[in-house]
Amino acid sequence: MADIFKSPLHSLRAGNDESVLLFKNDKLSLSECDGRHLILLQSHATGDFLNRAAAVLGCALPNQDKPFTEDDPSCLLVNEDSWVVSYKGRESLTRDLAVALEGQDMALSPATSAWAILQLEGRGARELLARGCNEDLHPNQFQSGQFCATQIARIPVYIYRRKQSDQFDLYVGRSFAMDLWRWLTQTAKEIT
């Protein structure tokens, strides 16, 4: 039986590093960011809810105009009224949010064991992603700080382009993480 408290990719690693290198060649590298905690936050966003959440998080929750914040915690707008909050350390964040948002029409769920975050970077990263998804990832269309919900090789994924031009975070559901890793590493070998 799978241990839901371990990364779905734990069998690929030798050590306990927070960012674990899973694949590397001269054009790209793929690692798992495993030291982060995730929270799924859902609400019909009213001004009071948004203000209370921002006070605890130290930043405004993302919206349609800016769907991602990159600081710690980082927040990803999943849809109109759902966010994934990703953070390191600060073990009390889930409790602090629950206390601050008490009485609000919302749902707050720890989601660390439900997701994996892969970090893909290098000059071949965009080409690799383009082989598996239909999104236009050209820098003029998919700029730094943007994200999209898409599929890579038919696997549902959220792609976030970091401030560095060739760095992408891939948020994938736990049950698809190994399949995505296999596809990425096998396809990466074809990029010359």
N, C-alpha and C. Protein backbone atom coordinates (compact mmCIF):
# COMPACT_ATOMS: atom_id res chain seq x y z
N MET A 1 0.85 -1.19 0.00
CA MET A 1 0.00 0.00 0.00
C MET A 1 0.88 1.24 0.00
N ALA A 2 0.49 2.25 -0.77
CA ALA A 2 1.27 3.48 -0.89
C ALA A 2 1.20 4.27 0.41
N ASP A 3 2.31 4.88 0.77
CA ASP A 3 2.38 5.75 1.94
C ASP A 3 2.03 7.16 1.46
N ILE A 4 0.84 7.66 1.79
CA ILE A 4 0.40 8.95 1.28
C ILE A 4 1.18 10.11 1.89
N PHE A 5 1.98 9.86 2.92
CA PHE A 5 2.76 10.93 3.51
C PHE A 5 4.12 11.06 2.86
N LYS A 6 4.47 10.14 1.99
CA LYS A 6 5.71 10.24 1.21
C LYS A 6 5.37 10.76 -0.17
N SER A 7 6.34 11.35 -0.79
CA SER A 7 6.17 11.81 -2.17
C SER A 7 5.82 10.62 -3.05
N PRO A 8 4.98 10.82 -4.06
CA PRO A 8 4.71 9.72 -4.99
C PRO A 8 5.94 9.34 -5.81
N LEU A 9 6.98 10.17 -5.77
CA LEU A 9 8.21 9.89 -6.51
C LEU A 9 9.37 9.50 -5.58
N HIS A 10 9.06 9.18 -4.33
CA HIS A 10 10.13 8.91 -3.35
C HIS A 10 11.03 7.73 -3.76
N SER A 11 10.51 6.80 -4.53
CA SER A 11 11.33 5.65 -4.93
C SER A 11 12.44 6.03 -5.91
N LEU A 12 12.38 7.23 -6.48
CA LEU A 12 13.39 7.67 -7.45
C LEU A 12 14.58 8.36 -6.82
N ARG A 13 14.51 8.61 -5.53
CA ARG A 13 15.55 9.42 -4.90
C ARG A 13 16.48 8.61 -4.02
N ALA A 14 17.67 9.16 -3.86
CA ALA A 14 18.65 8.50 -3.01
C ALA A 14 18.75 9.19 -1.65
N GLY A 15 18.51 10.52 -1.61
CA GLY A 15 18.66 11.26 -0.37
C GLY A 15 17.36 11.90 0.08
N ASN A 16 17.47 12.83 1.01
CA ASN A 16 16.29 13.48 1.56
C ASN A 16 16.24 14.97 1.24
N ASP A 17 16.90 15.41 0.17
CA ASP A 17 16.93 16.82 -0.18
C ASP A 17 15.53 17.34 -0.45
N GLU A 18 15.32 18.66 -0.17
CA GLU A 18 14.02 19.26 -0.44
C GLU A 18 13.76 19.33 -1.94
N SER A 19 14.78 19.61 -2.72
CA SER A 19 14.63 19.64 -4.16
C SER A 19 15.47 18.50 -4.71
N VAL A 20 14.82 17.48 -5.21
CA VAL A 20 15.50 16.25 -5.58
C VAL A 20 15.62 16.16 -7.09
N LEU A 21 16.85 16.05 -7.59
CA LEU A 21 17.09 15.95 -9.02
C LEU A 21 16.64 14.58 -9.50
N LEU A 22 15.74 14.60 -10.50
CA LEU A 22 15.20 13.35 -11.03
C LEU A 22 15.74 13.03 -12.41
N PHE A 23 16.21 14.05 -13.13
CA PHE A 23 16.73 13.85 -14.48
C PHE A 23 17.56 15.07 -14.85
N LYS A 24 18.65 14.85 -15.61
CA LYS A 24 19.46 15.98 -16.06
C LYS A 24 20.20 15.57 -17.32
N ASN A 25 20.20 16.48 -18.32
CA ASN A 25 21.08 16.36 -19.46
C ASN A 25 21.63 17.75 -19.77
N ASP A 26 22.28 17.94 -20.90
CA ASP A 26 22.90 19.24 -21.16
C ASP A 26 21.89 20.33 -21.52
N LYS A 27 20.61 19.99 -21.74
CA LYS A 27 19.61 20.99 -22.11
C LYS A 27 18.57 21.26 -21.03
N LEU A 28 18.40 20.32 -20.11
CA LEU A 28 17.37 20.56 -19.09
C LEU A 28 17.60 19.69 -17.87
N SER A 29 16.91 20.08 -16.81
CA SER A 29 16.92 19.26 -15.60
C SER A 29 15.49 19.22 -15.04
N LEU A 30 15.19 18.14 -14.39
CA LEU A 30 13.88 17.92 -13.80
C LEU A 30 14.10 17.51 -12.35
N SER A 31 13.48 18.23 -11.44
CA SER A 31 13.60 17.89 -10.02
C SER A 31 12.23 17.98 -9.38
N GLU A 32 12.12 17.37 -8.22
CA GLU A 32 10.88 17.45 -7.45
C GLU A 32 11.10 18.38 -6.28
N CYS A 33 10.18 19.27 -6.09
CA CYS A 33 10.21 20.15 -4.92
C CYS A 33 9.37 19.47 -3.85
N ASP A 34 10.04 18.85 -2.90
CA ASP A 34 9.35 18.00 -1.94
C ASP A 34 9.23 18.59 -0.55
N GLY A 35 9.81 19.75 -0.29
CA GLY A 35 9.75 20.29 1.07
C GLY A 35 8.62 21.26 1.28
N ARG A 36 7.66 21.29 0.39
CA ARG A 36 6.57 22.26 0.47
C ARG A 36 5.29 21.60 0.97
N HIS A 37 4.48 22.40 1.65
CA HIS A 37 3.16 21.98 2.10
C HIS A 37 2.13 22.65 1.20
N LEU A 38 1.02 21.99 1.00
CA LEU A 38 -0.03 22.52 0.14
C LEU A 38 -1.36 22.55 0.87
N ILE A 39 -2.13 23.61 0.60
CA ILE A 39 -3.47 23.77 1.15
C ILE A 39 -4.39 24.08 -0.02
N LEU A 40 -5.55 23.44 -0.05
CA LEU A 40 -6.59 23.80 -1.00
C LEU A 40 -7.58 24.69 -0.26
N LEU A 41 -7.80 25.88 -0.80
CA LEU A 41 -8.68 26.88 -0.19
C LEU A 41 -9.79 27.20 -1.19
N GLN A 42 -11.04 27.09 -0.75
CA GLN A 42 -12.18 27.34 -1.64
C GLN A 42 -13.16 28.28 -0.96
N SER A 43 -13.65 29.26 -1.72
CA SER A 43 -14.64 30.19 -1.19
C SER A 43 -15.19 31.05 -2.31
N HIS A 44 -16.41 31.52 -2.12
CA HIS A 44 -16.92 32.58 -2.99
C HIS A 44 -16.30 33.86 -2.44
N ALA A 45 -15.31 34.36 -3.14
CA ALA A 45 -14.42 35.41 -2.61
C ALA A 45 -15.14 36.74 -2.41
N THR A 46 -15.42 37.04 -1.15
CA THR A 46 -15.95 38.35 -0.80
C THR A 46 -14.80 39.20 -0.30
N GLY A 47 -15.02 40.48 -0.19
CA GLY A 47 -13.96 41.38 0.28
C GLY A 47 -13.43 40.99 1.65
N ASP A 48 -14.32 40.63 2.57
CA ASP A 48 -13.91 40.26 3.93
C ASP A 48 -13.04 39.00 3.90
N PHE A 49 -13.47 38.00 3.15
CA PHE A 49 -12.69 36.76 3.03
C PHE A 49 -11.30 37.06 2.47
N LEU A 50 -11.25 37.82 1.37
CA LEU A 50 -9.97 38.14 0.74
C LEU A 50 -9.05 38.91 1.67
N ASN A 51 -9.61 39.86 2.43
CA ASN A 51 -8.80 40.65 3.36
C ASN A 51 -8.25 39.79 4.50
N ARG A 52 -9.08 38.92 5.04
CA ARG A 52 -8.62 38.04 6.12
C ARG A 52 -7.54 37.08 5.64
N ALA A 53 -7.74 36.49 4.46
CA ALA A 53 -6.75 35.56 3.91
C ALA A 53 -5.43 36.28 3.66
N ALA A 54 -5.49 37.47 3.09
CA ALA A 54 -4.28 38.25 2.79
C ALA A 54 -3.52 38.60 4.06
N ALA A 55 -4.24 38.89 5.14
CA ALA A 55 -3.58 39.23 6.40
C ALA A 55 -2.75 38.06 6.92
N VAL A 56 -3.24 36.85 6.76
CA VAL A 56 -2.51 35.67 7.23
C VAL A 56 -1.39 35.30 6.26
N LEU A 57 -1.68 35.34 4.97
CA LEU A 57 -0.70 34.91 3.97
C LEU A 57 0.41 35.93 3.74
N GLY A 58 0.12 37.20 4.01
CA GLY A 58 1.11 38.24 3.73
C GLY A 58 1.10 38.68 2.28
N CYS A 59 0.10 38.25 1.54
CA CYS A 59 -0.06 38.66 0.14
C CYS A 59 -1.51 38.44 -0.25
N ALA A 60 -1.95 39.14 -1.27
CA ALA A 60 -3.32 38.96 -1.75
C ALA A 60 -3.44 37.63 -2.47
N LEU A 61 -4.61 37.01 -2.35
CA LEU A 61 -4.86 35.80 -3.14
C LEU A 61 -4.90 36.18 -4.61
N PRO A 62 -4.40 35.32 -5.47
CA PRO A 62 -4.40 35.62 -6.90
C PRO A 62 -5.82 35.75 -7.46
N ASN A 63 -5.92 36.45 -8.58
CA ASN A 63 -7.19 36.61 -9.27
C ASN A 63 -6.98 36.37 -10.76
N GLN A 64 -8.00 36.61 -11.56
CA GLN A 64 -7.89 36.35 -13.00
C GLN A 64 -6.78 37.17 -13.66
N ASP A 65 -6.54 38.38 -13.18
CA ASP A 65 -5.50 39.23 -13.76
C ASP A 65 -4.09 38.77 -13.38
N LYS A 66 -3.96 38.27 -12.18
CA LYS A 66 -2.66 37.78 -11.70
C LYS A 66 -2.91 36.45 -11.00
N PRO A 67 -2.85 35.32 -11.75
CA PRO A 67 -3.29 34.04 -11.21
C PRO A 67 -2.28 33.31 -10.32
N PHE A 68 -1.11 33.92 -10.07
CA PHE A 68 -0.10 33.22 -9.27
C PHE A 68 0.73 34.23 -8.50
N THR A 69 1.10 33.91 -7.26
CA THR A 69 2.08 34.70 -6.53
C THR A 69 3.26 33.78 -6.26
N GLU A 70 4.46 34.29 -6.41
CA GLU A 70 5.64 33.44 -6.35
C GLU A 70 6.35 33.41 -5.01
N ASP A 71 6.01 34.31 -4.11
CA ASP A 71 6.70 34.36 -2.83
C ASP A 71 6.34 33.15 -1.98
N ASP A 72 6.83 33.13 -0.75
CA ASP A 72 6.48 32.06 0.16
C ASP A 72 5.57 32.64 1.24
N PRO A 73 4.31 32.29 1.27
CA PRO A 73 3.69 31.24 0.48
C PRO A 73 3.40 31.71 -0.95
N SER A 74 3.38 30.74 -1.85
CA SER A 74 2.95 31.03 -3.21
C SER A 74 1.51 30.53 -3.34
N CYS A 75 0.74 31.23 -4.14
CA CYS A 75 -0.67 30.89 -4.29
C CYS A 75 -1.01 30.77 -5.76
N LEU A 76 -1.75 29.75 -6.10
CA LEU A 76 -2.14 29.45 -7.47
C LEU A 76 -3.66 29.48 -7.56
N LEU A 77 -4.19 30.31 -8.45
CA LEU A 77 -5.63 30.36 -8.68
C LEU A 77 -6.00 29.17 -9.56
N VAL A 78 -6.76 28.23 -9.01
CA VAL A 78 -7.13 27.03 -9.74
C VAL A 78 -8.38 27.30 -10.58
N ASN A 79 -9.35 27.96 -10.01
CA ASN A 79 -10.51 28.43 -10.75
C ASN A 79 -11.05 29.65 -10.02
N GLU A 80 -12.20 30.12 -10.42
CA GLU A 80 -12.72 31.38 -9.91
C GLU A 80 -12.75 31.48 -8.39
N ASP A 81 -12.98 30.37 -7.70
CA ASP A 81 -13.07 30.43 -6.24
C ASP A 81 -12.29 29.33 -5.53
N SER A 82 -11.16 28.90 -6.15
CA SER A 82 -10.30 27.88 -5.53
C SER A 82 -8.84 28.25 -5.72
N TRP A 83 -8.05 28.06 -4.67
CA TRP A 83 -6.63 28.35 -4.70
C TRP A 83 -5.85 27.18 -4.11
N VAL A 84 -4.64 26.98 -4.60
CA VAL A 84 -3.69 26.09 -3.96
C VAL A 84 -2.62 26.99 -3.35
N VAL A 85 -2.41 26.85 -2.06
CA VAL A 85 -1.40 27.62 -1.35
C VAL A 85 -0.23 26.68 -1.06
N SER A 86 0.96 27.08 -1.48
CA SER A 86 2.17 26.27 -1.31
C SER A 86 3.14 27.03 -0.42
N TYR A 87 3.70 26.34 0.59
CA TYR A 87 4.58 27.04 1.52
C TYR A 87 5.60 26.09 2.14
N LYS A 88 6.67 26.68 2.67
CA LYS A 88 7.68 25.94 3.44
C LYS A 88 7.60 26.39 4.88
N GLY A 89 8.11 25.56 5.77
CA GLY A 89 8.17 25.96 7.17
C GLY A 89 6.79 26.29 7.71
N ARG A 90 6.69 27.37 8.41
CA ARG A 90 5.45 27.93 8.97
C ARG A 90 4.36 26.88 9.18
N GLU A 91 4.63 25.95 10.04
CA GLU A 91 3.74 24.81 10.27
C GLU A 91 2.33 25.21 10.70
N SER A 92 2.19 26.41 11.23
CA SER A 92 0.88 26.83 11.74
C SER A 92 0.00 27.49 10.67
N LEU A 93 0.45 27.56 9.43
CA LEU A 93 -0.30 28.31 8.42
C LEU A 93 -1.72 27.77 8.22
N THR A 94 -1.89 26.48 8.15
CA THR A 94 -3.23 25.92 7.96
C THR A 94 -4.13 26.31 9.12
N ARG A 95 -3.63 26.17 10.34
CA ARG A 95 -4.41 26.54 11.53
C ARG A 95 -4.67 28.03 11.55
N ASP A 96 -3.66 28.86 11.24
CA ASP A 96 -3.83 30.31 11.24
C ASP A 96 -4.90 30.75 10.23
N LEU A 97 -4.90 30.13 9.05
CA LEU A 97 -5.92 30.45 8.05
C LEU A 97 -7.31 30.04 8.55
N ALA A 98 -7.40 28.84 9.13
CA ALA A 98 -8.69 28.36 9.63
C ALA A 98 -9.25 29.29 10.70
N VAL A 99 -8.39 29.77 11.60
CA VAL A 99 -8.84 30.67 12.67
C VAL A 99 -9.27 32.02 12.07
N ALA A 100 -8.45 32.57 11.17
CA ALA A 100 -8.75 33.89 10.59
C ALA A 100 -10.00 33.87 9.72
N LEU A 101 -10.29 32.73 9.11
CA LEU A 101 -11.41 32.63 8.19
C LEU A 101 -12.65 32.00 8.82
N GLU A 102 -12.61 31.79 10.13
CA GLU A 102 -13.75 31.20 10.83
C GLU A 102 -15.00 32.03 10.59
N GLY A 103 -16.10 31.35 10.32
CA GLY A 103 -17.36 32.04 10.06
C GLY A 103 -17.57 32.40 8.60
N GLN A 104 -16.53 32.25 7.80
CA GLN A 104 -16.64 32.53 6.36
C GLN A 104 -17.19 31.30 5.64
N ASP A 105 -17.84 31.52 4.52
CA ASP A 105 -18.32 30.42 3.68
C ASP A 105 -17.13 29.92 2.87
N MET A 106 -16.45 28.93 3.38
CA MET A 106 -15.23 28.46 2.73
C MET A 106 -14.91 27.04 3.14
N ALA A 107 -13.99 26.42 2.38
CA ALA A 107 -13.46 25.10 2.72
C ALA A 107 -11.94 25.21 2.66
N LEU A 108 -11.28 24.61 3.63
CA LEU A 108 -9.83 24.63 3.72
C LEU A 108 -9.37 23.21 3.98
N SER A 109 -8.53 22.68 3.09
CA SER A 109 -8.10 21.29 3.22
C SER A 109 -6.60 21.16 3.04
N PRO A 110 -5.89 20.52 3.96
CA PRO A 110 -4.49 20.21 3.70
C PRO A 110 -4.40 19.31 2.47
N ALA A 111 -3.50 19.62 1.54
CA ALA A 111 -3.44 18.88 0.28
C ALA A 111 -2.03 18.42 -0.08
N THR A 112 -1.11 18.46 0.88
CA THR A 112 0.28 18.11 0.59
C THR A 112 0.40 16.73 -0.02
N SER A 113 -0.33 15.77 0.51
CA SER A 113 -0.21 14.40 0.02
C SER A 113 -0.96 14.16 -1.29
N ALA A 114 -1.69 15.16 -1.77
CA ALA A 114 -2.49 14.98 -2.99
C ALA A 114 -1.79 15.45 -4.26
N TRP A 115 -0.67 16.16 -4.14
CA TRP A 115 0.01 16.76 -5.29
C TRP A 115 1.51 16.48 -5.26
N ALA A 116 2.11 16.62 -6.43
CA ALA A 116 3.57 16.66 -6.55
C ALA A 116 3.89 17.92 -7.35
N ILE A 117 5.00 18.55 -7.02
CA ILE A 117 5.46 19.72 -7.77
C ILE A 117 6.79 19.37 -8.40
N LEU A 118 6.83 19.38 -9.74
CA LEU A 118 8.06 19.13 -10.48
C LEU A 118 8.58 20.45 -11.01
N GLN A 119 9.90 20.63 -10.96
CA GLN A 119 10.53 21.84 -11.49
C GLN A 119 11.35 21.45 -12.71
N LEU A 120 11.01 22.05 -13.84
CA LEU A 120 11.67 21.78 -15.10
C LEU A 120 12.38 23.05 -15.51
N GLU A 121 13.68 22.95 -15.84
CA GLU A 121 14.40 24.14 -16.25
C GLU A 121 15.49 23.81 -17.25
N GLY A 122 15.86 24.83 -18.01
CA GLY A 122 16.91 24.70 -19.00
C GLY A 122 16.42 25.11 -20.38
N ARG A 123 17.35 25.24 -21.30
CA ARG A 123 16.98 25.74 -22.63
C ARG A 123 16.12 24.77 -23.43
N GLY A 124 16.03 23.51 -23.01
CA GLY A 124 15.17 22.54 -23.68
C GLY A 124 13.82 22.36 -23.02
N ALA A 125 13.57 23.09 -21.93
CA ALA A 125 12.33 22.89 -21.16
C ALA A 125 11.09 23.22 -21.98
N ARG A 126 11.11 24.34 -22.66
CA ARG A 126 9.94 24.76 -23.44
C ARG A 126 9.64 23.76 -24.56
N GLU A 127 10.70 23.28 -25.22
CA GLU A 127 10.52 22.30 -26.29
C GLU A 127 9.93 21.01 -25.74
N LEU A 128 10.42 20.58 -24.60
CA LEU A 128 9.89 19.35 -24.00
C LEU A 128 8.40 19.50 -23.69
N LEU A 129 8.02 20.60 -23.07
CA LEU A 129 6.62 20.82 -22.74
C LEU A 129 5.76 20.90 -24.00
N ALA A 130 6.28 21.54 -25.03
CA ALA A 130 5.53 21.70 -26.27
C ALA A 130 5.25 20.36 -26.95
N ARG A 131 6.08 19.36 -26.71
CA ARG A 131 5.85 18.05 -27.31
C ARG A 131 4.67 17.32 -26.68
N GLY A 132 4.27 17.77 -25.49
CA GLY A 132 3.19 17.05 -24.81
C GLY A 132 1.92 17.82 -24.59
N CYS A 133 1.93 19.15 -24.84
CA CYS A 133 0.71 19.92 -24.59
C CYS A 133 0.42 20.87 -25.75
N ASN A 134 -0.81 21.33 -25.80
CA ASN A 134 -1.24 22.20 -26.89
C ASN A 134 -1.15 23.69 -26.56
N GLU A 135 -0.69 24.04 -25.38
CA GLU A 135 -0.58 25.45 -25.01
C GLU A 135 0.52 26.13 -25.81
N ASP A 136 0.30 27.39 -26.13
CA ASP A 136 1.33 28.19 -26.79
C ASP A 136 2.28 28.69 -25.72
N LEU A 137 3.46 28.10 -25.63
CA LEU A 137 4.42 28.43 -24.58
C LEU A 137 5.49 29.41 -25.05
N HIS A 138 5.29 30.00 -26.22
CA HIS A 138 6.23 31.01 -26.72
C HIS A 138 6.31 32.14 -25.69
N PRO A 139 7.51 32.68 -25.44
CA PRO A 139 7.66 33.72 -24.41
C PRO A 139 6.75 34.94 -24.61
N ASN A 140 6.37 35.23 -25.85
CA ASN A 140 5.47 36.36 -26.07
C ASN A 140 4.04 36.04 -25.62
N GLN A 141 3.67 34.78 -25.60
CA GLN A 141 2.33 34.37 -25.20
C GLN A 141 2.26 33.89 -23.76
N PHE A 142 3.26 33.14 -23.33
CA PHE A 142 3.28 32.56 -21.98
C PHE A 142 4.46 33.20 -21.25
N GLN A 143 4.18 34.34 -20.63
CA GLN A 143 5.24 35.16 -20.05
C GLN A 143 5.55 34.76 -18.61
N SER A 144 6.64 35.30 -18.09
CA SER A 144 7.02 35.06 -16.70
C SER A 144 5.86 35.40 -15.78
N GLY A 145 5.62 34.55 -14.80
CA GLY A 145 4.56 34.77 -13.84
C GLY A 145 3.21 34.27 -14.29
N GLN A 146 3.13 33.65 -15.46
CA GLN A 146 1.85 33.13 -15.93
C GLN A 146 1.75 31.64 -15.63
N PHE A 147 0.51 31.17 -15.59
CA PHE A 147 0.29 29.74 -15.43
C PHE A 147 -0.91 29.35 -16.27
N CYS A 148 -1.02 28.07 -16.53
CA CYS A 148 -2.18 27.57 -17.26
C CYS A 148 -2.51 26.17 -16.76
N ALA A 149 -3.77 25.83 -16.89
CA ALA A 149 -4.22 24.47 -16.64
C ALA A 149 -4.27 23.80 -18.00
N THR A 150 -3.60 22.66 -18.12
CA THR A 150 -3.50 22.00 -19.41
C THR A 150 -3.34 20.50 -19.19
N GLN A 151 -2.97 19.83 -20.25
CA GLN A 151 -2.61 18.42 -20.16
C GLN A 151 -1.27 18.24 -20.84
N ILE A 152 -0.44 17.39 -20.26
CA ILE A 152 0.81 16.97 -20.88
C ILE A 152 0.68 15.47 -21.05
N ALA A 153 0.73 15.03 -22.30
CA ALA A 153 0.54 13.61 -22.60
C ALA A 153 -0.74 13.07 -21.95
N ARG A 154 -1.78 13.86 -22.02
CA ARG A 154 -3.11 13.55 -21.48
C ARG A 154 -3.17 13.52 -19.95
N ILE A 155 -2.16 14.04 -19.30
CA ILE A 155 -2.12 14.10 -17.84
C ILE A 155 -2.46 15.52 -17.42
N PRO A 156 -3.49 15.71 -16.57
CA PRO A 156 -3.83 17.07 -16.13
C PRO A 156 -2.70 17.68 -15.30
N VAL A 157 -2.30 18.89 -15.70
CA VAL A 157 -1.16 19.57 -15.07
C VAL A 157 -1.43 21.07 -15.03
N TYR A 158 -0.96 21.72 -13.98
CA TYR A 158 -0.88 23.18 -13.94
C TYR A 158 0.58 23.53 -14.22
N ILE A 159 0.80 24.39 -15.21
CA ILE A 159 2.16 24.83 -15.54
C ILE A 159 2.30 26.28 -15.11
N TYR A 160 3.35 26.57 -14.35
CA TYR A 160 3.66 27.93 -13.95
C TYR A 160 5.04 28.29 -14.48
N ARG A 161 5.14 29.41 -15.19
CA ARG A 161 6.44 29.87 -15.68
C ARG A 161 7.03 30.84 -14.68
N ARG A 162 8.16 30.46 -14.12
CA ARG A 162 8.82 31.29 -13.13
C ARG A 162 9.41 32.54 -13.77
N LYS A 163 9.95 33.41 -12.93
CA LYS A 163 10.52 34.67 -13.42
C LYS A 163 11.70 34.43 -14.34
N GLN A 164 12.47 33.36 -14.09
CA GLN A 164 13.53 33.01 -15.01
C GLN A 164 12.88 32.39 -16.25
N SER A 165 13.34 32.76 -17.42
CA SER A 165 12.62 32.43 -18.66
C SER A 165 12.50 30.94 -18.93
N ASP A 166 13.42 30.13 -18.49
CA ASP A 166 13.39 28.70 -18.81
C ASP A 166 13.13 27.84 -17.58
N GLN A 167 12.35 28.34 -16.65
CA GLN A 167 11.99 27.58 -15.45
C GLN A 167 10.49 27.45 -15.36
N PHE A 168 10.02 26.21 -15.18
CA PHE A 168 8.60 25.93 -15.09
C PHE A 168 8.34 25.03 -13.89
N ASP A 169 7.26 25.33 -13.16
CA ASP A 169 6.78 24.44 -12.11
C ASP A 169 5.58 23.70 -12.66
N LEU A 170 5.55 22.40 -12.45
CA LEU A 170 4.45 21.56 -12.91
C LEU A 170 3.75 20.97 -11.70
N TYR A 171 2.51 21.36 -11.49
CA TYR A 171 1.71 20.83 -10.39
C TYR A 171 0.89 19.68 -10.96
N VAL A 172 1.05 18.49 -10.38
CA VAL A 172 0.37 17.31 -10.91
C VAL A 172 -0.22 16.52 -9.74
N GLY A 173 -1.38 15.95 -9.97
CA GLY A 173 -2.01 15.12 -8.95
C GLY A 173 -1.16 13.91 -8.61
N ARG A 174 -1.21 13.50 -7.36
CA ARG A 174 -0.38 12.40 -6.86
C ARG A 174 -0.46 11.16 -7.74
N SER A 175 -1.64 10.77 -8.16
CA SER A 175 -1.79 9.52 -8.90
C SER A 175 -1.20 9.59 -10.31
N PHE A 176 -0.92 10.81 -10.81
CA PHE A 176 -0.34 10.96 -12.14
C PHE A 176 1.15 11.31 -12.12
N ALA A 177 1.72 11.53 -10.94
CA ALA A 177 3.09 12.04 -10.85
C ALA A 177 4.11 11.11 -11.50
N MET A 178 4.03 9.82 -11.23
CA MET A 178 5.00 8.88 -11.81
C MET A 178 4.83 8.80 -13.33
N ASP A 179 3.59 8.82 -13.82
CA ASP A 179 3.36 8.79 -15.26
C ASP A 179 3.94 10.03 -15.93
N LEU A 180 3.75 11.20 -15.30
CA LEU A 180 4.31 12.43 -15.87
C LEU A 180 5.83 12.36 -15.86
N TRP A 181 6.42 11.91 -14.76
CA TRP A 181 7.88 11.79 -14.69
C TRP A 181 8.39 10.88 -15.80
N ARG A 182 7.76 9.73 -16.01
CA ARG A 182 8.18 8.81 -17.07
C ARG A 182 8.12 9.47 -18.44
N TRP A 183 7.00 10.13 -18.73
CA TRP A 183 6.86 10.77 -20.03
C TRP A 183 7.92 11.86 -20.22
N LEU A 184 8.11 12.69 -19.21
CA LEU A 184 9.08 13.78 -19.31
C LEU A 184 10.50 13.25 -19.53
N THR A 185 10.89 12.25 -18.75
CA THR A 185 12.27 11.75 -18.87
C THR A 185 12.48 11.00 -20.18
N GLN A 186 11.50 10.24 -20.62
CA GLN A 186 11.66 9.53 -21.89
C GLN A 186 11.69 10.50 -23.07
N THR A 187 10.82 11.48 -23.05
CA THR A 187 10.76 12.46 -24.14
C THR A 187 11.98 13.37 -24.12
N ALA A 188 12.50 13.67 -22.95
CA ALA A 188 13.69 14.54 -22.84
C ALA A 188 14.88 13.93 -23.56
N LYS A 189 14.97 12.62 -23.61
CA LYS A 189 16.09 11.95 -24.29
C LYS A 189 16.06 12.19 -25.79
N GLU A 190 14.90 12.58 -26.32
CA GLU A 190 14.77 12.82 -27.76
C GLU A 190 15.17 14.24 -28.16
N ILE A 191 15.31 15.12 -27.18
CA ILE A 191 15.65 16.51 -27.47
C ILE A 191 17.17 16.62 -27.62
N THR A 192 17.59 17.06 -28.80
CA THR A 192 19.04 17.15 -29.06
C THR A 192 19.50 18.58 -29.20
